[in-house]
């Protein structure tokens, strides 16, 4: 038997802002909300093929670079079209020392959390 990743937790200042962004990126919905933040995930809810994301409210997110970041792949368009869509949702390019020869794009969400848009198109779940 093995474990599965069921949730990712992201400390943030404005959970609602990040929820709108990540729901738009991943086609997720808000599953639960309380005074400490909220949980977003696939429409079928917790426990499915994809992990949910807990957006945990904190006044002072750790300033150090997180040791974990999210990679995403387009499912219904090519990488260039998906890049434009993510930028229109509020992502912005992030420079972490890329050479320009990479097959992926490094972006940041509205609070500056880095994530990568990979080249390979995946089948939707």
C-alpha atoms as a PDB file:
ATOM      1  CA  UNK A   1       0.000   0.000   0.000  1.00  0.00           C
ATOM      2  CA  UNK A   2       1.157   3.569  -0.659  1.00  0.00           C
ATOM      3  CA  UNK A   3       0.055   7.083   0.212  1.00  0.00           C
ATOM      4  CA  UNK A   4      -1.572   9.594  -2.130  1.00  0.00           C
ATOM      5  CA  UNK A   5      -1.324  13.348  -2.030  1.00  0.00           C
ATOM      6  CA  UNK A   6      -4.805  14.491  -1.020  1.00  0.00           C
ATOM      7  CA  UNK A   7      -4.257  18.184  -0.241  1.00  0.00           C
ATOM      8  CA  UNK A   8      -1.696  20.904  -0.782  1.00  0.00           C
ATOM      9  CA  UNK A   9      -1.621  23.730   1.772  1.00  0.00           C
ATOM     10  CA  UNK A  10      -0.597  27.239   0.779  1.00  0.00           C
ATOM     11  CA  UNK A  11      -0.223  29.987   3.392  1.00  0.00           C
ATOM     12  CA  UNK A  12      -1.396  33.305   1.981  1.00  0.00           C
ATOM     13  CA  UNK A  13      -2.569  36.790   2.898  1.00  0.00           C
ATOM     14  CA  UNK A  14      -5.700  36.810   0.723  1.00  0.00           C
ATOM     15  CA  UNK A  15      -7.263  33.360   0.292  1.00  0.00           C
ATOM     16  CA  UNK A  16     -10.201  34.698  -1.733  1.00  0.00           C
ATOM     17  CA  UNK A  17      -7.892  36.316  -4.298  1.00  0.00           C
ATOM     18  CA  UNK A  18      -5.814  33.160  -4.677  1.00  0.00           C
ATOM     19  CA  UNK A  19      -8.955  31.014  -4.795  1.00  0.00           C
ATOM     20  CA  UNK A  20     -10.273  32.985  -7.778  1.00  0.00           C
ATOM     21  CA  UNK A  21      -6.881  32.689  -9.488  1.00  0.00           C
ATOM     22  CA  UNK A  22      -6.279  28.966  -8.879  1.00  0.00           C
ATOM     23  CA  UNK A  23      -9.926  28.038  -9.565  1.00  0.00           C
ATOM     24  CA  UNK A  24      -9.553  29.762 -12.931  1.00  0.00           C
ATOM     25  CA  UNK A  25      -6.221  28.066 -13.646  1.00  0.00           C
ATOM     26  CA  UNK A  26      -7.317  24.555 -12.655  1.00  0.00           C
ATOM     27  CA  UNK A  27     -11.087  24.723 -13.270  1.00  0.00           C
ATOM     28  CA  UNK A  28     -11.590  24.101  -9.536  1.00  0.00           C
ATOM     29  CA  UNK A  29     -14.417  25.285  -7.301  1.00  0.00           C
ATOM     30  CA  UNK A  30     -14.525  26.409  -3.676  1.00  0.00           C
ATOM     31  CA  UNK A  31     -15.320  23.317  -1.611  1.00  0.00           C
ATOM     32  CA  UNK A  32     -15.222  24.760   1.910  1.00  0.00           C
ATOM     33  CA  UNK A  33     -14.719  28.126   3.576  1.00  0.00           C
ATOM     34  CA  UNK A  34     -14.130  29.222   7.162  1.00  0.00           C
ATOM     35  CA  UNK A  35     -12.498  32.114   9.034  1.00  0.00           C
ATOM     36  CA  UNK A  36      -9.025  30.578   8.562  1.00  0.00           C
ATOM     37  CA  UNK A  37      -9.206  30.273   4.776  1.00  0.00           C
ATOM     38  CA  UNK A  38     -10.757  27.994   2.228  1.00  0.00           C
ATOM     39  CA  UNK A  39     -10.368  24.776   0.293  1.00  0.00           C
ATOM     40  CA  UNK A  40     -10.610  24.534  -3.479  1.00  0.00           C
ATOM     41  CA  UNK A  41     -10.685  21.423  -5.587  1.00  0.00           C
ATOM     42  CA  UNK A  42     -12.267  19.530  -8.453  1.00  0.00           C
ATOM     43  CA  UNK A  43     -16.045  19.633  -8.753  1.00  0.00           C
ATOM     44  CA  UNK A  44     -16.328  16.050  -7.487  1.00  0.00           C
ATOM     45  CA  UNK A  45     -14.726  17.132  -4.210  1.00  0.00           C
ATOM     46  CA  UNK A  46     -12.068  15.770  -1.901  1.00  0.00           C
ATOM     47  CA  UNK A  47     -10.597  12.316  -2.432  1.00  0.00           C
ATOM     48  CA  UNK A  48     -10.678  12.153  -6.223  1.00  0.00           C
ATOM     49  CA  UNK A  49      -7.844  11.871  -8.691  1.00  0.00           C
ATOM     50  CA  UNK A  50      -6.599  15.406  -8.019  1.00  0.00           C
ATOM     51  CA  UNK A  51      -5.544  16.856  -4.662  1.00  0.00           C
ATOM     52  CA  UNK A  52      -7.406  19.804  -3.215  1.00  0.00           C
ATOM     53  CA  UNK A  53      -5.650  23.044  -2.242  1.00  0.00           C
ATOM     54  CA  UNK A  54      -6.096  24.579   1.194  1.00  0.00           C
ATOM     55  CA  UNK A  55      -5.520  28.351   1.113  1.00  0.00           C
ATOM     56  CA  UNK A  56      -4.676  29.099   4.722  1.00  0.00           C
ATOM     57  CA  UNK A  57      -4.943  32.721   5.843  1.00  0.00           C
ATOM     58  CA  UNK A  58      -1.895  34.176   7.576  1.00  0.00           C
ATOM     59  CA  UNK A  59      -0.886  37.779   8.090  1.00  0.00           C
ATOM     60  CA  UNK A  60       2.772  36.960   7.615  1.00  0.00           C
ATOM     61  CA  UNK A  61       3.491  34.209   5.082  1.00  0.00           C
ATOM     62  CA  UNK A  62       7.050  32.963   5.392  1.00  0.00           C
ATOM     63  CA  UNK A  63       9.287  35.277   3.329  1.00  0.00           C
ATOM     64  CA  UNK A  64      11.660  32.479   2.334  1.00  0.00           C
ATOM     65  CA  UNK A  65      11.189  30.723  -0.973  1.00  0.00           C
ATOM     66  CA  UNK A  66       8.813  27.776  -0.531  1.00  0.00           C
ATOM     67  CA  UNK A  67      10.354  24.367  -0.941  1.00  0.00           C
ATOM     68  CA  UNK A  68       7.388  23.169  -2.993  1.00  0.00           C
ATOM     69  CA  UNK A  69       5.808  24.644  -6.085  1.00  0.00           C
ATOM     70  CA  UNK A  70       3.027  23.596  -8.418  1.00  0.00           C
ATOM     71  CA  UNK A  71       3.537  22.506 -12.027  1.00  0.00           C
ATOM     72  CA  UNK A  72       0.586  22.663 -14.418  1.00  0.00           C
ATOM     73  CA  UNK A  73      -0.010  21.299 -17.909  1.00  0.00           C
ATOM     74  CA  UNK A  74      -2.624  22.428 -20.418  1.00  0.00           C
ATOM     75  CA  UNK A  75      -5.342  19.920 -21.264  1.00  0.00           C
ATOM     76  CA  UNK A  76      -7.262  21.542 -24.103  1.00  0.00           C
ATOM     77  CA  UNK A  77      -4.843  23.902 -25.850  1.00  0.00           C
ATOM     78  CA  UNK A  78      -1.166  24.271 -26.640  1.00  0.00           C
ATOM     79  CA  UNK A  79       1.323  25.770 -24.205  1.00  0.00           C
ATOM     80  CA  UNK A  80       1.371  29.222 -25.838  1.00  0.00           C
ATOM     81  CA  UNK A  81      -2.419  29.557 -25.689  1.00  0.00           C
ATOM     82  CA  UNK A  82      -2.443  28.362 -22.080  1.00  0.00           C
ATOM     83  CA  UNK A  83       0.284  30.849 -21.182  1.00  0.00           C
ATOM     84  CA  UNK A  84      -1.882  33.686 -22.522  1.00  0.00           C
ATOM     85  CA  UNK A  85      -4.870  32.384 -20.546  1.00  0.00           C
ATOM     86  CA  UNK A  86      -2.854  32.198 -17.305  1.00  0.00           C
ATOM     87  CA  UNK A  87      -1.489  35.708 -17.816  1.00  0.00           C
ATOM     88  CA  UNK A  88      -5.034  36.994 -18.363  1.00  0.00           C
ATOM     89  CA  UNK A  89      -6.046  35.402 -15.031  1.00  0.00           C
ATOM     90  CA  UNK A  90      -3.353  37.376 -13.198  1.00  0.00           C
ATOM     91  CA  UNK A  91      -0.215  35.253 -13.448  1.00  0.00           C
ATOM     92  CA  UNK A  92       2.981  37.091 -14.229  1.00  0.00           C
ATOM     93  CA  UNK A  93       6.347  35.902 -15.549  1.00  0.00           C
ATOM     94  CA  UNK A  94       8.891  35.077 -12.852  1.00  0.00           C
ATOM     95  CA  UNK A  95      12.638  35.147 -13.341  1.00  0.00           C
ATOM     96  CA  UNK A  96      14.473  32.470 -11.378  1.00  0.00           C
ATOM     97  CA  UNK A  97      17.523  32.414 -13.608  1.00  0.00           C
ATOM     98  CA  UNK A  98      16.128  30.660 -16.659  1.00  0.00           C
ATOM     99  CA  UNK A  99      18.271  30.607 -19.789  1.00  0.00           C
ATOM    100  CA  UNK A 100      15.363  30.959 -22.214  1.00  0.00           C
ATOM    101  CA  UNK A 101      15.986  27.474 -23.603  1.00  0.00           C
ATOM    102  CA  UNK A 102      13.630  25.777 -21.137  1.00  0.00           C
ATOM    103  CA  UNK A 103      10.531  23.991 -22.418  1.00  0.00           C
ATOM    104  CA  UNK A 104       8.483  25.435 -19.531  1.00  0.00           C
ATOM    105  CA  UNK A 105       7.435  28.888 -18.336  1.00  0.00           C
ATOM    106  CA  UNK A 106       8.003  30.052 -14.768  1.00  0.00           C
ATOM    107  CA  UNK A 107       5.137  32.192 -13.514  1.00  0.00           C
ATOM    108  CA  UNK A 108       3.957  33.677 -10.230  1.00  0.00           C
ATOM    109  CA  UNK A 109       0.418  33.780  -8.874  1.00  0.00           C
ATOM    110  CA  UNK A 110      -1.059  37.037  -7.502  1.00  0.00           C
ATOM    111  CA  UNK A 111       0.833  36.636  -4.184  1.00  0.00           C
ATOM    112  CA  UNK A 112       4.133  35.794  -5.860  1.00  0.00           C
ATOM    113  CA  UNK A 113       4.066  31.998  -5.414  1.00  0.00           C
ATOM    114  CA  UNK A 114       6.043  30.525  -8.285  1.00  0.00           C
ATOM    115  CA  UNK A 115       4.652  27.768 -10.476  1.00  0.00           C
ATOM    116  CA  UNK A 116       5.578  26.309 -13.849  1.00  0.00           C
ATOM    117  CA  UNK A 117       3.565  25.790 -17.011  1.00  0.00           C
ATOM    118  CA  UNK A 118       4.997  22.664 -18.620  1.00  0.00           C
ATOM    119  CA  UNK A 119       4.973  21.970 -22.359  1.00  0.00           C
ATOM    120  CA  UNK A 120       3.287  18.571 -22.583  1.00  0.00           C
ATOM    121  CA  UNK A 121      -0.474  18.626 -23.049  1.00  0.00           C
ATOM    122  CA  UNK A 122      -2.227  16.128 -20.758  1.00  0.00           C
ATOM    123  CA  UNK A 123      -5.550  14.410 -21.234  1.00  0.00           C
ATOM    124  CA  UNK A 124      -8.269  15.938 -19.038  1.00  0.00           C
ATOM    125  CA  UNK A 125      -9.424  13.827 -16.082  1.00  0.00           C
END
